[in-house]
Amino acid sequence: MSLPKDNLLFGYANKLTDEQKEYVDSIFDNQLTIINARSGTGKTTLATACAKIIGKNLLYVFSPVEEDAMGYTPGSVEEKEKKYIQPLKDALLEINEQPEKVISSEDNIDNVKNGNTWVEAKSHVFARGTNIKNKTVIVDECQNFTKSELRKLLTRIHDNCTVIMIGHTGQIDLERPQDSGFAPYIEHFKKKDYAHICELSWNFRGVLANDADNLV
């Protein structure tokens, strides 16, 4: 069905490049969209905008690179994970949503009780045993997930979910880049009839950002 006709996508619809339009349409047309793209290309913002239009609650999942250390850092689960969800907060602000109101958290209990929150943010570290139904799921920074970590998450997702896997094979932060499961899963899913693989090439932050990304 692609992006619903006459939907302005929070002001982005008429500004989309051909690559971005393919990405957005895929989110509406397929159960699984995998986007392999540089930073600054709009991948998280557009995924979040689509999630809002789709209307299911959003589950945003990220990978803390220093997973082994997370359990030893002070604070609650939310306090341990807070620094990793800034891209989500930025994306929500871009579509005129207030993160402190729409993200479920201990500090936002009144909105949670009133049903006004529609976003949940978790790392895969605390997702074990989760049963994920009828949600839009954004898996961000997929290049920093190992194959087993992606398997752990994806095997918990029901068919009534819309899934967007976001990453860039050129920005792996793992100590051993060869441990990344992102490229193997791109290959695994690329011929599935419910999945589509996209790429975005232009960093909208500007010329300097693009030139920096071109350094080999």
C-alpha atoms as a PDB file:
ATOM      1  CA  MET A   1       0.000   0.000   0.000  1.00  0.00           C
ATOM      2  CA  SER A   2       3.058   2.269   0.432  1.00  0.00           C
ATOM      3  CA  LEU A   3       2.808   5.591   2.293  1.00  0.00           C
ATOM      4  CA  PRO A   4      -0.913   6.389   2.573  1.00  0.00           C
ATOM      5  CA  LYS A   5      -2.058   8.773  -0.152  1.00  0.00           C
ATOM      6  CA  ASP A   6      -2.009  12.457   0.803  1.00  0.00           C
ATOM      7  CA  ASN A   7      -0.170  11.720   4.057  1.00  0.00           C
ATOM      8  CA  LEU A   8       2.487  14.410   4.561  1.00  0.00           C
ATOM      9  CA  LEU A   9       4.667  12.232   6.828  1.00  0.00           C
ATOM     10  CA  PHE A  10       5.066  15.110   9.276  1.00  0.00           C
ATOM     11  CA  GLY A  11       6.279  17.409   6.487  1.00  0.00           C
ATOM     12  CA  TYR A  12       8.775  14.964   4.985  1.00  0.00           C
ATOM     13  CA  ALA A  13       6.680  13.428   2.187  1.00  0.00           C
ATOM     14  CA  ASN A  14       7.476  16.052  -0.455  1.00  0.00           C
ATOM     15  CA  LYS A  15      11.154  16.207   0.535  1.00  0.00           C
ATOM     16  CA  LEU A  16      11.998  12.516   0.240  1.00  0.00           C
ATOM     17  CA  THR A  17      14.739  11.439  -2.132  1.00  0.00           C
ATOM     18  CA  ASP A  18      14.003   8.431  -4.324  1.00  0.00           C
ATOM     19  CA  GLU A  19      16.014   6.273  -1.910  1.00  0.00           C
ATOM     20  CA  GLN A  20      14.094   7.566   1.101  1.00  0.00           C
ATOM     21  CA  LYS A  21      10.749   7.039  -0.643  1.00  0.00           C
ATOM     22  CA  GLU A  22      11.691   3.416  -1.344  1.00  0.00           C
ATOM     23  CA  TYR A  23      12.558   3.051   2.347  1.00  0.00           C
ATOM     24  CA  VAL A  24       9.327   4.615   3.591  1.00  0.00           C
ATOM     25  CA  ASP A  25       7.153   2.646   1.156  1.00  0.00           C
ATOM     26  CA  SER A  26       8.871  -0.572   2.188  1.00  0.00           C
ATOM     27  CA  ILE A  27       7.983   0.005   5.838  1.00  0.00           C
ATOM     28  CA  PHE A  28       4.291   0.091   4.867  1.00  0.00           C
ATOM     29  CA  ASP A  29       4.534  -2.698   2.275  1.00  0.00           C
ATOM     30  CA  ASN A  30       6.647  -5.308   4.095  1.00  0.00           C
ATOM     31  CA  GLN A  31       6.785  -6.960   7.472  1.00  0.00           C
ATOM     32  CA  LEU A  32      10.561  -6.474   7.552  1.00  0.00           C
ATOM     33  CA  THR A  33      12.608  -3.592   6.165  1.00  0.00           C
ATOM     34  CA  ILE A  34      16.383  -3.584   6.550  1.00  0.00           C
ATOM     35  CA  ILE A  35      18.154  -0.283   5.927  1.00  0.00           C
ATOM     36  CA  ASN A  36      21.918  -0.197   5.485  1.00  0.00           C
ATOM     37  CA  ALA A  37      22.830   3.480   5.544  1.00  0.00           C
ATOM     38  CA  ARG A  38      25.275   6.053   6.814  1.00  0.00           C
ATOM     39  CA  SER A  39      24.537   8.318   9.752  1.00  0.00           C
ATOM     40  CA  GLY A  40      22.600  11.471   8.986  1.00  0.00           C
ATOM     41  CA  THR A  41      20.560   9.900   6.198  1.00  0.00           C
ATOM     42  CA  GLY A  42      17.265  10.133   8.091  1.00  0.00           C
ATOM     43  CA  LYS A  43      16.832   6.417   8.725  1.00  0.00           C
ATOM     44  CA  THR A  44      15.757   6.610  12.383  1.00  0.00           C
ATOM     45  CA  THR A  45      13.609   9.723  11.940  1.00  0.00           C
ATOM     46  CA  LEU A  46      11.727   8.273   8.973  1.00  0.00           C
ATOM     47  CA  ALA A  47      11.240   4.930  10.728  1.00  0.00           C
ATOM     48  CA  THR A  48       9.820   6.692  13.788  1.00  0.00           C
ATOM     49  CA  ALA A  49       7.532   8.854  11.635  1.00  0.00           C
ATOM     50  CA  CYS A  50       6.219   5.738   9.882  1.00  0.00           C
ATOM     51  CA  ALA A  51       5.708   4.011  13.234  1.00  0.00           C
ATOM     52  CA  LYS A  52       3.508   6.875  14.401  1.00  0.00           C
ATOM     53  CA  ILE A  53       1.388   6.654  11.244  1.00  0.00           C
ATOM     54  CA  ILE A  54       1.099   2.854  11.411  1.00  0.00           C
ATOM     55  CA  GLY A  55      -0.441   3.329  14.852  1.00  0.00           C
ATOM     56  CA  LYS A  56       0.976   0.343  16.727  1.00  0.00           C
ATOM     57  CA  ASN A  57       3.008   0.913  19.872  1.00  0.00           C
ATOM     58  CA  LEU A  58       6.704   1.308  19.099  1.00  0.00           C
ATOM     59  CA  LEU A  59       9.399  -0.878  20.612  1.00  0.00           C
ATOM     60  CA  TYR A  60      12.846   0.648  20.077  1.00  0.00           C
ATOM     61  CA  VAL A  61      15.696  -1.809  20.644  1.00  0.00           C
ATOM     62  CA  PHE A  62      19.394  -0.928  20.722  1.00  0.00           C
ATOM     63  CA  SER A  63      22.675  -2.657  21.467  1.00  0.00           C
ATOM     64  CA  PRO A  64      24.970  -1.270  24.160  1.00  0.00           C
ATOM     65  CA  VAL A  65      28.446  -2.131  22.928  1.00  0.00           C
ATOM     66  CA  GLU A  66      29.740  -2.539  26.473  1.00  0.00           C
ATOM     67  CA  GLU A  67      27.033  -5.083  27.354  1.00  0.00           C
ATOM     68  CA  ASP A  68      29.232  -6.987  29.787  1.00  0.00           C
ATOM     69  CA  ALA A  69      29.704  -3.858  31.875  1.00  0.00           C
ATOM     70  CA  MET A  70      26.063  -2.756  31.951  1.00  0.00           C
ATOM     71  CA  GLY A  71      25.084  -5.007  34.813  1.00  0.00           C
ATOM     72  CA  TYR A  72      27.780  -3.474  37.008  1.00  0.00           C
ATOM     73  CA  THR A  73      26.984   0.184  36.368  1.00  0.00           C
ATOM     74  CA  PRO A  74      24.909   1.882  39.080  1.00  0.00           C
ATOM     75  CA  GLY A  75      21.223   2.671  38.750  1.00  0.00           C
ATOM     76  CA  SER A  76      18.055   1.090  37.427  1.00  0.00           C
ATOM     77  CA  VAL A  77      17.699  -0.527  34.022  1.00  0.00           C
ATOM     78  CA  GLU A  78      16.352   2.772  32.659  1.00  0.00           C
ATOM     79  CA  GLU A  79      19.306   4.708  34.065  1.00  0.00           C
ATOM     80  CA  LYS A  80      21.757   2.219  32.540  1.00  0.00           C
ATOM     81  CA  GLU A  81      20.108   2.492  29.124  1.00  0.00           C
ATOM     82  CA  LYS A  82      19.228   6.188  28.985  1.00  0.00           C
ATOM     83  CA  LYS A  83      22.302   7.349  27.061  1.00  0.00           C
ATOM     84  CA  TYR A  84      21.590   4.948  24.205  1.00  0.00           C
ATOM     85  CA  ILE A  85      18.165   6.320  23.260  1.00  0.00           C
ATOM     86  CA  GLN A  86      19.175   9.829  22.198  1.00  0.00           C
ATOM     87  CA  PRO A  87      18.624   8.990  18.484  1.00  0.00           C
ATOM     88  CA  LEU A  88      15.063   7.958  19.375  1.00  0.00           C
ATOM     89  CA  LYS A  89      14.473  11.166  21.322  1.00  0.00           C
ATOM     90  CA  ASP A  90      15.827  13.260  18.443  1.00  0.00           C
ATOM     91  CA  ALA A  91      13.558  11.420  15.993  1.00  0.00           C
ATOM     92  CA  LEU A  92      10.497  11.972  18.175  1.00  0.00           C
ATOM     93  CA  LEU A  93      11.228  15.689  18.425  1.00  0.00           C
ATOM     94  CA  GLU A  94      11.456  15.842  14.606  1.00  0.00           C
ATOM     95  CA  ILE A  95       7.837  14.649  14.363  1.00  0.00           C
ATOM     96  CA  ASN A  96       6.646  16.985  17.137  1.00  0.00           C
ATOM     97  CA  GLU A  97       6.374  14.318  19.820  1.00  0.00           C
ATOM     98  CA  GLN A  98       7.668  15.042  23.331  1.00  0.00           C
ATOM     99  CA  PRO A  99       9.968  12.168  24.420  1.00  0.00           C
ATOM    100  CA  GLU A 100       9.389  12.777  28.118  1.00  0.00           C
ATOM    101  CA  LYS A 101       5.644  12.289  27.565  1.00  0.00           C
ATOM    102  CA  VAL A 102       5.436   9.440  25.024  1.00  0.00           C
ATOM    103  CA  ILE A 103       8.266   7.118  26.147  1.00  0.00           C
ATOM    104  CA  SER A 104       7.272   4.732  28.942  1.00  0.00           C
ATOM    105  CA  SER A 105       9.523   5.261  31.946  1.00  0.00           C
ATOM    106  CA  GLU A 106       9.593   5.343  35.720  1.00  0.00           C
ATOM    107  CA  ASP A 107       9.632   9.145  35.515  1.00  0.00           C
ATOM    108  CA  ASN A 108       6.531   9.168  33.309  1.00  0.00           C
ATOM    109  CA  ILE A 109       4.256   6.946  35.358  1.00  0.00           C
ATOM    110  CA  ASP A 110       1.162   9.181  35.092  1.00  0.00           C
ATOM    111  CA  ASN A 111       1.201   9.099  31.295  1.00  0.00           C
ATOM    112  CA  VAL A 112       1.844   5.352  31.383  1.00  0.00           C
ATOM    113  CA  LYS A 113      -1.195   4.814  33.625  1.00  0.00           C
ATOM    114  CA  ASN A 114      -3.344   7.048  31.408  1.00  0.00           C
ATOM    115  CA  GLY A 115      -2.324   5.169  28.268  1.00  0.00           C
ATOM    116  CA  ASN A 116      -0.684   8.242  26.726  1.00  0.00           C
ATOM    117  CA  THR A 117       2.685   6.607  26.088  1.00  0.00           C
ATOM    118  CA  TRP A 118       3.237   4.717  22.820  1.00  0.00           C
ATOM    119  CA  VAL A 119       7.004   4.143  22.843  1.00  0.00           C
ATOM    120  CA  GLU A 120       9.095   1.659  24.819  1.00  0.00           C
ATOM    121  CA  ALA A 121      12.900   1.624  24.629  1.00  0.00           C
ATOM    122  CA  LYS A 122      14.957  -1.409  25.636  1.00  0.00           C
ATOM    123  CA  SER A 123      18.359  -2.892  24.969  1.00  0.00           C
ATOM    124  CA  HIS A 124      18.501  -6.486  23.793  1.00  0.00           C
ATOM    125  CA  VAL A 125      20.294  -7.224  27.090  1.00  0.00           C
ATOM    126  CA  PHE A 126      17.000  -6.956  28.973  1.00  0.00           C
ATOM    127  CA  ALA A 127      14.802  -8.364  26.175  1.00  0.00           C
ATOM    128  CA  ARG A 128      15.413 -12.046  26.938  1.00  0.00           C
ATOM    129  CA  GLY A 129      12.102 -13.871  27.342  1.00  0.00           C
ATOM    130  CA  THR A 130      10.149 -11.014  25.765  1.00  0.00           C
ATOM    131  CA  ASN A 131       7.106 -11.938  23.664  1.00  0.00           C
ATOM    132  CA  ILE A 132       6.697  -9.179  21.065  1.00  0.00           C
ATOM    133  CA  LYS A 133       3.188  -8.869  19.587  1.00  0.00           C
ATOM    134  CA  ASN A 134       1.407  -6.241  17.467  1.00  0.00           C
ATOM    135  CA  LYS A 135       4.122  -3.594  17.633  1.00  0.00           C
ATOM    136  CA  THR A 136       6.306  -1.641  15.306  1.00  0.00           C
ATOM    137  CA  VAL A 137       9.846  -2.679  16.211  1.00  0.00           C
ATOM    138  CA  ILE A 138      12.863  -0.517  15.368  1.00  0.00           C
ATOM    139  CA  VAL A 139      16.157  -2.337  15.901  1.00  0.00           C
ATOM    140  CA  ASP A 140      18.720   0.461  15.792  1.00  0.00           C
ATOM    141  CA  GLU A 141      22.504   0.262  15.326  1.00  0.00           C
ATOM    142  CA  CYS A 142      22.132  -3.314  14.065  1.00  0.00           C
ATOM    143  CA  GLN A 143      25.759  -3.390  13.030  1.00  0.00           C
ATOM    144  CA  ASN A 144      26.622  -3.606  16.731  1.00  0.00           C
ATOM    145  CA  PHE A 145      24.533  -6.747  17.300  1.00  0.00           C
ATOM    146  CA  THR A 146      26.149 -10.143  16.973  1.00  0.00           C
ATOM    147  CA  LYS A 147      24.343 -12.840  15.000  1.00  0.00           C
ATOM    148  CA  SER A 148      23.199 -14.557  18.203  1.00  0.00           C
ATOM    149  CA  GLU A 149      21.931 -11.281  19.680  1.00  0.00           C
ATOM    150  CA  LEU A 150      19.846 -10.574  16.576  1.00  0.00           C
ATOM    151  CA  ARG A 151      18.546 -14.141  16.633  1.00  0.00           C
ATOM    152  CA  LYS A 152      17.590 -13.784  20.299  1.00  0.00           C
ATOM    153  CA  LEU A 153      15.517 -10.702  19.466  1.00  0.00           C
ATOM    154  CA  LEU A 154      14.030 -11.630  16.091  1.00  0.00           C
ATOM    155  CA  THR A 155      12.824 -15.046  17.242  1.00  0.00           C
ATOM    156  CA  ARG A 156      10.559 -13.269  19.755  1.00  0.00           C
ATOM    157  CA  ILE A 157       8.683 -11.230  17.140  1.00  0.00           C
ATOM    158  CA  HIS A 158       5.180 -12.260  16.011  1.00  0.00           C
ATOM    159  CA  ASP A 159       3.902 -11.879  12.448  1.00  0.00           C
ATOM    160  CA  ASN A 160       1.568  -9.008  13.412  1.00  0.00           C
ATOM    161  CA  CYS A 161       4.621  -6.779  13.991  1.00  0.00           C
ATOM    162  CA  THR A 162       6.260  -4.365  11.567  1.00  0.00           C
ATOM    163  CA  VAL A 163      10.046  -4.569  11.900  1.00  0.00           C
ATOM    164  CA  ILE A 164      12.682  -2.042  10.784  1.00  0.00           C
ATOM    165  CA  MET A 165      16.324  -3.057  11.185  1.00  0.00           C
ATOM    166  CA  ILE A 166      18.609  -0.015  10.996  1.00  0.00           C
ATOM    167  CA  GLY A 167      22.373  -0.083  10.686  1.00  0.00           C
ATOM    168  CA  HIS A 168      25.472   0.555   8.604  1.00  0.00           C
ATOM    169  CA  THR A 169      28.033  -2.093   7.777  1.00  0.00           C
ATOM    170  CA  GLY A 170      30.680   0.657   7.639  1.00  0.00           C
ATOM    171  CA  GLN A 171      30.196   1.823  11.249  1.00  0.00           C
ATOM    172  CA  ILE A 172      30.732  -1.275  13.386  1.00  0.00           C
ATOM    173  CA  ASP A 173      31.818  -0.442  16.954  1.00  0.00           C
ATOM    174  CA  LEU A 174      32.369  -3.990  18.152  1.00  0.00           C
ATOM    175  CA  GLU A 175      35.875  -4.875  19.326  1.00  0.00           C
ATOM    176  CA  ARG A 176      35.893  -7.567  16.624  1.00  0.00           C
ATOM    177  CA  PRO A 177      33.994  -6.150  13.612  1.00  0.00           C
ATOM    178  CA  GLN A 178      33.751  -9.629  12.127  1.00  0.00           C
ATOM    179  CA  ASP A 179      31.406 -10.554  14.997  1.00  0.00           C
ATOM    180  CA  SER A 180      28.664  -8.268  13.644  1.00  0.00           C
ATOM    181  CA  GLY A 181      25.557 -10.160  12.599  1.00  0.00           C
ATOM    182  CA  PHE A 182      24.099  -7.361  10.468  1.00  0.00           C
ATOM    183  CA  ALA A 183      25.588  -8.307   7.083  1.00  0.00           C
ATOM    184  CA  PRO A 184      24.805 -12.021   7.547  1.00  0.00           C
ATOM    185  CA  TYR A 185      21.183 -11.201   8.328  1.00  0.00           C
ATOM    186  CA  ILE A 186      20.940  -8.927   5.285  1.00  0.00           C
ATOM    187  CA  GLU A 187      22.011 -11.907   3.191  1.00  0.00           C
ATOM    188  CA  HIS A 188      19.657 -14.216   5.088  1.00  0.00           C
ATOM    189  CA  PHE A 189      16.551 -12.084   4.548  1.00  0.00           C
ATOM    190  CA  LYS A 190      17.173 -10.519   1.135  1.00  0.00           C
ATOM    191  CA  LYS A 191      15.214 -13.141  -0.823  1.00  0.00           C
ATOM    192  CA  LYS A 192      12.293 -13.452   1.594  1.00  0.00           C
ATOM    193  CA  ASP A 193       9.005 -12.244   0.108  1.00  0.00           C
ATOM    194  CA  TYR A 194       8.066 -10.363   3.281  1.00  0.00           C
ATOM    195  CA  ALA A 195      11.364  -8.443   3.487  1.00  0.00           C
ATOM    196  CA  HIS A 196      13.056  -5.635   1.586  1.00  0.00           C
ATOM    197  CA  ILE A 197      16.627  -4.313   1.798  1.00  0.00           C
ATOM    198  CA  CYS A 198      17.247  -0.570   1.260  1.00  0.00           C
ATOM    199  CA  GLU A 199      20.232   1.763   1.194  1.00  0.00           C
ATOM    200  CA  LEU A 200      20.543   5.510   1.752  1.00  0.00           C
ATOM    201  CA  SER A 201      23.602   7.326   0.485  1.00  0.00           C
ATOM    202  CA  TRP A 202      23.368  11.040   1.368  1.00  0.00           C
ATOM    203  CA  ASN A 203      24.174  12.439   4.816  1.00  0.00           C
ATOM    204  CA  PHE A 204      21.860  15.436   5.196  1.00  0.00           C
ATOM    205  CA  ARG A 205      24.078  17.017   7.827  1.00  0.00           C
ATOM    206  CA  GLY A 206      26.126  18.492   5.005  1.00  0.00           C
ATOM    207  CA  VAL A 207      29.195  18.296   2.812  1.00  0.00           C
ATOM    208  CA  LEU A 208      31.703  17.994   5.657  1.00  0.00           C
ATOM    209  CA  ALA A 209      29.814  15.031   7.161  1.00  0.00           C
ATOM    210  CA  ASN A 210      29.658  13.285   3.790  1.00  0.00           C
ATOM    211  CA  ASP A 211      33.338  13.843   3.091  1.00  0.00           C
ATOM    212  CA  ALA A 212      34.245  12.526   6.559  1.00  0.00           C
ATOM    213  CA  ASP A 213      32.245   9.383   5.834  1.00  0.00           C
ATOM    214  CA  ASN A 214      34.190   8.801   2.630  1.00  0.00           C
ATOM    215  CA  LEU A 215      37.529   8.410   4.394  1.00  0.00           C
ATOM    216  CA  VAL A 216      38.680   4.803   4.014  1.00  0.00           C
END
